Amino acid sequence: MARPIRINLPHCLYHVISRTNSDDTAFWDPGDYKKFFDYLDKYTHLFDFRIHAFCLMPDHFHLLMESQENAALSEFMRRLLTAYTVYFNRRHERHGHLFQGRFKSFVVEKSDYLLALSRYIHLNPLKAGMTGAPQTYPYSSLQYYINGREPSFLTTKEILVWFQGIRGKYEEFIREGMDKDTKLRILKQRYVGGEPFVKRLERRMKQQEPLAGRAQKASVRRAERFQEEWKNLAEKMTARVAQYFGVLPEMVRSGNKLRGAVGKARTVLIAVLREKVPWSHDQISQYLGVKEKSGISYHLRCLMNNQDLIKAFENLIK
């Protein structure tokens, strides 16, 4: 059966699952979990997602996340998995892919399944036999729903409001599911919701290509606004990098094979743009006039092998 096309839409709730290759272990100790959470915090804010629930297991993880105006689920996951894999391979002296090439994502009917799916995710360690008390599992968001002190990337208000903001009532809701089958039915390999929801969403997707009339104009305006904001940010970063290396911004943005201070500035700029601007490698290539997007990866590898460039990069992203 053909793989379903990835759905990237604004204001959508997703259940995302990513598993390791060949059941490899992705998290060996608390330091690994902390680093993953650092990256999750970073890219959640960069790509403007809300995380409603999460659970990290040794060989896979679950995210219940919601897009805002900028629909960029695929790029968010690419950045998150790449960054963590680079860290993990370096720390544990391994090579190659850590996670499977294609993560799973299901679009969720928020009004009817937000609570049920949060319970399913929070009970994952219990169902897997890793703990008899899911509220004590340290790498899921359940502890924050019960005890508070949420990390900045986690949004608990929308779920807790269904329990009058009383955390103990949510904990009771979790306990009620401990002896139940909490799996939810998936429709057409990519929806968690009823038939009417699926029909509404498929109509919505049909309207995207091509959008008609007023909807098309609104979509174009929204996209242009984002691109203008990101371009302005990219230009500020370009000026900052150029000043750091004592060269002109237009020199850094011109040509592919640059040497000396200009070449170093260009390499560092590519890393800075990847860190600060939610652009794909294609978009960075277009901004810098790089003919092949593989050139972006080349510059990133060059930076990682040069301690002086790494130091410059770290200074510039502060």
Protein backbone atom coordinates (compact mmCIF):
# COMPACT_ATOMS: atom_id res chain seq x y z
CA MET A 1 0.00 0.00 0.00
CA ALA A 2 1.34 3.43 -0.93
CA ARG A 3 2.45 5.70 1.89
CA PRO A 4 -0.03 8.51 2.62
CA ILE A 5 1.06 12.01 1.69
CA ARG A 6 2.25 14.03 4.67
CA ILE A 7 -0.31 16.59 5.82
CA ASN A 8 1.20 20.00 6.60
CA LEU A 9 -1.54 22.46 7.51
CA PRO A 10 -1.75 25.44 9.88
CA HIS A 11 -3.72 25.01 13.10
CA CYS A 12 -3.68 21.21 13.05
CA LEU A 13 -3.24 18.81 15.95
CA TYR A 14 -0.83 15.94 15.28
CA HIS A 15 0.15 12.74 17.01
CA VAL A 16 3.75 12.16 15.92
CA ILE A 17 5.67 8.92 16.49
CA SER A 18 9.28 8.32 15.57
CA ARG A 19 11.06 4.99 16.08
CA THR A 20 14.72 4.05 15.95
CA ASN A 21 16.28 1.84 13.31
CA SER A 22 16.28 -1.87 14.19
CA ASP A 23 15.02 -1.12 17.71
CA ASP A 24 18.24 0.69 18.60
CA THR A 25 18.28 2.55 21.90
CA ALA A 26 17.99 6.31 21.41
CA PHE A 27 18.39 7.38 25.05
CA TRP A 28 21.04 5.74 27.20
CA ASP A 29 21.00 7.98 30.26
CA PRO A 30 19.48 11.18 31.70
CA GLY A 31 21.96 13.28 29.73
CA ASP A 32 20.54 11.98 26.45
CA TYR A 33 16.98 12.73 27.50
CA LYS A 34 17.95 16.23 28.60
CA LYS A 35 19.66 16.96 25.28
CA PHE A 36 16.58 15.80 23.36
CA PHE A 37 14.40 18.10 25.49
CA ASP A 38 16.81 20.97 24.79
CA TYR A 39 16.36 20.45 21.06
CA LEU A 40 12.60 20.02 21.44
CA ASP A 41 12.43 23.35 23.28
CA LYS A 42 14.57 25.04 20.65
CA TYR A 43 12.68 23.86 17.56
CA THR A 44 9.23 24.17 19.12
CA HIS A 45 9.85 27.88 19.54
CA LEU A 46 11.63 28.31 16.21
CA PHE A 47 8.80 26.72 14.23
CA ASP A 48 5.98 27.95 16.50
CA PHE A 49 4.44 24.65 17.60
CA ARG A 50 2.57 23.85 20.79
CA ILE A 51 3.41 20.60 22.55
CA HIS A 52 0.40 19.28 24.49
CA ALA A 53 1.93 15.97 25.59
CA PHE A 54 5.07 13.92 25.09
CA CYS A 55 6.59 10.62 26.10
CA LEU A 56 10.13 9.48 25.37
CA MET A 57 10.72 5.72 25.42
CA PRO A 58 14.12 4.04 24.91
CA ASP A 59 13.48 3.20 21.24
CA HIS A 60 10.76 5.68 20.19
CA PHE A 61 8.91 8.82 21.24
CA HIS A 62 5.45 10.34 21.04
CA LEU A 63 4.54 14.01 20.58
CA LEU A 64 1.05 15.51 20.69
CA MET A 65 1.70 18.80 18.96
CA GLU A 66 -0.23 21.59 17.26
CA SER A 67 0.87 23.80 14.39
CA GLN A 68 0.15 27.52 14.40
CA GLU A 69 0.03 29.75 11.31
CA ASN A 70 3.27 28.40 9.88
CA ALA A 71 2.69 24.78 8.77
CA ALA A 72 6.15 23.19 8.90
CA LEU A 73 5.83 19.78 10.54
CA SER A 74 8.25 18.01 8.17
CA GLU A 75 10.98 20.64 8.59
CA PHE A 76 10.47 20.70 12.36
CA MET A 77 10.97 16.94 12.58
CA ARG A 78 13.92 16.95 10.18
CA ARG A 79 15.73 19.52 12.30
CA LEU A 80 14.87 17.80 15.59
CA LEU A 81 15.93 14.31 14.50
CA THR A 82 19.06 15.49 12.69
CA ALA A 83 20.28 17.62 15.60
CA TYR A 84 19.74 14.86 18.14
CA THR A 85 21.29 12.17 15.93
CA VAL A 86 24.43 14.28 15.41
CA TYR A 87 24.71 14.76 19.17
CA PHE A 88 24.01 11.09 19.93
CA ASN A 89 26.47 9.73 17.38
CA ARG A 90 29.22 12.00 18.59
CA ARG A 91 28.66 11.24 22.25
CA HIS A 92 28.32 7.48 21.84
CA GLU A 93 30.86 7.08 19.02
CA ARG A 94 28.51 5.64 16.45
CA HIS A 95 27.65 6.42 12.82
CA GLY A 96 24.61 6.44 10.58
CA HIS A 97 20.91 7.09 11.04
CA LEU A 98 19.44 6.67 14.49
CA PHE A 99 15.74 7.03 13.67
CA GLN A 100 13.75 5.49 10.85
CA GLY A 101 13.69 7.63 7.73
CA ARG A 102 9.98 8.42 7.88
CA PHE A 103 8.23 9.38 11.08
CA LYS A 104 4.52 8.71 11.53
CA SER A 105 2.09 11.59 11.89
CA PHE A 106 -1.66 11.42 12.41
CA VAL A 107 -3.97 14.42 12.18
CA VAL A 108 -6.20 14.49 15.25
CA GLU A 109 -9.76 15.72 15.69
CA LYS A 110 -8.97 18.05 18.58
CA SER A 111 -12.45 18.58 19.98
CA ASP A 112 -13.11 14.88 20.54
CA TYR A 113 -9.69 13.23 20.87
CA LEU A 114 -7.32 15.68 22.59
CA LEU A 115 -7.93 14.20 26.05
CA ALA A 116 -8.03 10.57 24.94
CA LEU A 117 -4.80 10.87 23.00
CA SER A 118 -3.02 12.62 25.86
CA ARG A 119 -4.04 9.70 28.09
CA TYR A 120 -2.82 7.17 25.53
CA ILE A 121 0.58 8.89 25.35
CA HIS A 122 0.92 9.24 29.12
CA LEU A 123 0.06 5.58 29.67
CA ASN A 124 2.65 4.38 27.15
CA PRO A 125 5.28 3.46 29.78
CA LEU A 126 2.68 1.50 31.75
CA LYS A 127 1.40 -0.42 28.72
CA ALA A 128 5.01 -1.21 27.75
CA GLY A 129 5.66 -2.71 31.19
CA MET A 130 8.28 -0.11 32.12
CA THR A 131 6.49 1.13 35.23
CA GLY A 132 3.44 0.37 37.33
CA ALA A 133 2.96 4.05 38.14
CA PRO A 134 2.99 6.21 34.99
CA GLN A 135 2.97 9.44 37.03
CA THR A 136 6.50 8.58 38.22
CA TYR A 137 7.94 7.99 34.75
CA PRO A 138 10.47 10.83 34.38
CA TYR A 139 10.42 11.27 30.60
CA SER A 140 6.76 12.00 29.87
CA SER A 141 4.73 15.17 30.37
CA LEU A 142 2.38 13.49 32.86
CA GLN A 143 4.52 14.59 35.82
CA TYR A 144 4.01 18.23 34.80
CA TYR A 145 0.26 17.83 34.44
CA ILE A 146 0.13 16.51 38.00
CA ASN A 147 2.82 18.59 39.73
CA GLY A 148 3.15 21.75 37.62
CA ARG A 149 6.47 23.47 36.83
CA GLU A 150 6.02 22.83 33.10
CA PRO A 151 8.97 23.40 30.73
CA SER A 152 8.55 26.34 28.37
CA PHE A 153 7.72 24.16 25.36
CA LEU A 154 4.83 22.32 27.06
CA THR A 155 1.24 23.64 26.98
CA THR A 156 -1.00 22.08 29.64
CA LYS A 157 -3.77 24.68 29.95
CA GLU A 158 -5.93 23.46 27.07
CA ILE A 159 -6.19 19.96 28.52
CA LEU A 160 -6.43 20.98 32.17
CA VAL A 161 -9.29 23.38 31.44
CA TRP A 162 -11.47 20.29 30.83
CA PHE A 163 -10.81 19.42 34.49
CA GLN A 164 -11.47 22.95 35.82
CA GLY A 165 -7.71 23.36 36.09
CA ILE A 166 -7.59 20.79 38.90
CA ARG A 167 -4.54 18.62 38.36
CA GLY A 168 -5.82 15.86 40.63
CA LYS A 169 -8.83 15.37 38.38
CA TYR A 170 -6.58 14.84 35.39
CA GLU A 171 -4.55 12.34 37.42
CA GLU A 172 -7.79 10.50 38.19
CA PHE A 173 -8.62 10.50 34.46
CA ILE A 174 -5.26 8.84 33.82
CA ARG A 175 -5.84 6.22 36.52
CA GLU A 176 -9.23 5.39 35.01
CA GLY A 177 -7.47 4.42 31.79
CA MET A 178 -4.86 2.16 33.35
CA ASP A 179 -6.98 -0.97 32.97
CA LYS A 180 -8.56 0.02 29.65
CA ASP A 181 -7.55 -0.39 26.05
CA THR A 182 -6.66 3.22 25.26
CA LYS A 183 -5.65 2.74 21.62
CA LEU A 184 -7.62 4.89 19.19
CA ARG A 185 -8.89 3.91 15.78
CA ILE A 186 -6.90 5.32 12.87
CA LEU A 187 -8.68 6.07 9.60
CA LYS A 188 -6.95 5.94 6.21
CA GLN A 189 -3.53 5.53 7.88
CA ARG A 190 -3.39 9.18 8.93
CA TYR A 191 -6.49 10.41 10.82
CA VAL A 192 -7.58 10.08 14.44
CA GLY A 193 -11.18 11.21 14.35
CA GLY A 194 -14.63 10.50 13.04
CA GLU A 195 -15.73 10.21 9.42
CA PRO A 196 -17.16 13.77 9.31
CA PHE A 197 -13.80 15.13 10.52
CA VAL A 198 -11.96 13.21 7.81
CA LYS A 199 -14.30 14.56 5.13
CA ARG A 200 -13.89 18.14 6.37
CA LEU A 201 -10.11 17.87 6.43
CA GLU A 202 -9.93 16.32 2.97
CA ARG A 203 -12.09 19.14 1.62
CA ARG A 204 -9.73 21.59 3.29
CA MET A 205 -6.71 19.95 1.64
CA LYS A 206 -8.37 20.05 -1.77
CA GLN A 207 -8.83 23.78 -1.35
CA GLN A 208 -5.12 24.24 -0.82
CA GLU A 209 -4.20 23.31 -4.44
CA PRO A 210 -5.43 25.47 -5.85
CA LEU A 211 -7.01 27.70 -3.27
CA ALA A 212 -9.84 29.78 -4.60
CA GLY A 213 -10.53 33.48 -4.49
CA ARG A 214 -10.34 35.07 -1.07
CA ALA A 215 -8.82 31.96 0.58
CA GLN A 216 -5.97 31.91 -1.93
CA LYS A 217 -5.22 35.60 -1.40
CA ALA A 218 -5.20 35.15 2.38
CA SER A 219 -2.85 32.17 2.10
CA VAL A 220 -0.50 34.06 -0.20
CA ARG A 221 -0.48 37.08 2.13
CA ARG A 222 0.29 34.85 5.12
CA ALA A 223 3.14 33.13 3.28
CA GLU A 224 4.54 36.46 2.09
CA ARG A 225 4.41 37.85 5.61
CA PHE A 226 6.38 34.92 6.99
CA GLN A 227 8.92 35.08 4.17
CA GLU A 228 9.40 38.82 4.65
CA GLU A 229 9.92 38.39 8.40
CA TRP A 230 12.40 35.58 7.86
CA LYS A 231 14.25 37.46 5.12
CA ASN A 232 14.62 40.48 7.40
CA LEU A 233 15.98 38.22 10.13
CA ALA A 234 18.36 36.57 7.65
CA GLU A 235 19.67 39.97 6.54
CA LYS A 236 20.29 40.98 10.16
CA MET A 237 22.19 37.76 10.72
CA THR A 238 24.18 38.32 7.52
CA ALA A 239 25.20 41.81 8.63
CA ARG A 240 26.18 40.52 12.06
CA VAL A 241 28.33 37.70 10.66
CA ALA A 242 29.96 40.02 8.12
CA GLN A 243 30.84 42.54 10.84
CA TYR A 244 32.32 39.77 12.99
CA PHE A 245 34.69 38.74 10.16
CA GLY A 246 35.34 42.30 8.97
CA VAL A 247 33.88 41.86 5.49
CA LEU A 248 30.93 43.29 3.55
CA PRO A 249 27.53 41.52 3.73
CA GLU A 250 27.18 41.46 -0.07
CA MET A 251 30.52 39.65 -0.34
CA VAL A 252 29.32 36.89 1.98
CA ARG A 253 26.18 36.36 -0.09
CA SER A 254 27.92 36.17 -3.46
CA GLY A 255 29.59 33.14 -5.07
CA ASN A 256 29.96 29.50 -4.03
CA LYS A 257 33.69 28.93 -3.58
CA LEU A 258 34.91 31.71 -1.33
CA ARG A 259 38.24 31.78 0.47
CA GLY A 260 39.80 33.59 3.39
CA ALA A 261 37.66 35.64 5.78
CA VAL A 262 34.77 35.80 3.32
CA GLY A 263 34.68 32.02 2.94
CA LYS A 264 34.76 31.54 6.70
CA ALA A 265 32.00 34.10 7.11
CA ARG A 266 29.85 32.30 4.56
CA THR A 267 30.29 28.94 6.30
CA VAL A 268 29.41 30.40 9.68
CA LEU A 269 26.46 32.34 8.19
CA ILE A 270 24.96 29.12 6.82
CA ALA A 271 25.11 27.57 10.29
CA VAL A 272 23.64 30.71 11.88
CA LEU A 273 20.77 30.81 9.38
CA ARG A 274 20.02 27.15 10.03
CA GLU A 275 19.98 27.90 13.75
CA LYS A 276 17.94 31.11 13.75
CA VAL A 277 15.67 31.05 10.69
CA PRO A 278 13.05 28.31 10.05
CA TRP A 279 14.21 27.77 6.47
CA SER A 280 14.87 24.51 4.69
CA HIS A 281 18.23 23.89 3.00
CA ASP A 282 16.55 24.83 -0.30
CA GLN A 283 15.53 28.21 1.07
CA ILE A 284 18.99 28.91 2.50
CA SER A 285 20.46 27.94 -0.87
CA GLN A 286 18.18 30.40 -2.66
CA TYR A 287 19.02 33.21 -0.26
CA LEU A 288 22.76 32.70 -0.71
CA GLY A 289 22.68 31.81 -4.40
CA VAL A 290 24.11 28.34 -3.80
CA LYS A 291 23.38 26.23 -6.88
CA GLU A 292 23.05 22.89 -5.08
CA LYS A 293 21.44 22.47 -1.68
CA SER A 294 24.08 19.82 -0.94
CA GLY A 295 26.45 22.78 -0.68
CA ILE A 296 24.69 23.73 2.56
CA SER A 297 25.52 20.35 4.09
CA TYR A 298 29.12 20.72 2.89
CA HIS A 299 29.52 24.04 4.71
CA LEU A 300 27.96 22.61 7.88
CA ARG A 301 30.45 19.73 7.83
CA CYS A 302 33.31 22.19 7.35
CA LEU A 303 32.18 24.15 10.38
CA MET A 304 31.94 21.06 12.60
CA ASN A 305 35.58 20.19 11.75
CA ASN A 306 36.97 23.64 12.57
CA GLN A 307 37.13 24.76 16.20
CA ASP A 308 37.67 28.43 15.29
CA LEU A 309 34.52 28.44 13.17
CA ILE A 310 32.58 26.66 15.90
CA LYS A 311 33.67 29.32 18.37
CA ALA A 312 32.61 32.10 15.97
CA PHE A 313 29.25 30.39 15.44
CA GLU A 314 28.66 30.05 19.20
CA ASN A 315 29.51 33.72 19.74
CA LEU A 316 27.18 34.87 16.99
CA ILE A 317 24.09 32.96 18.11
CA LYS A 318 24.19 34.23 21.70
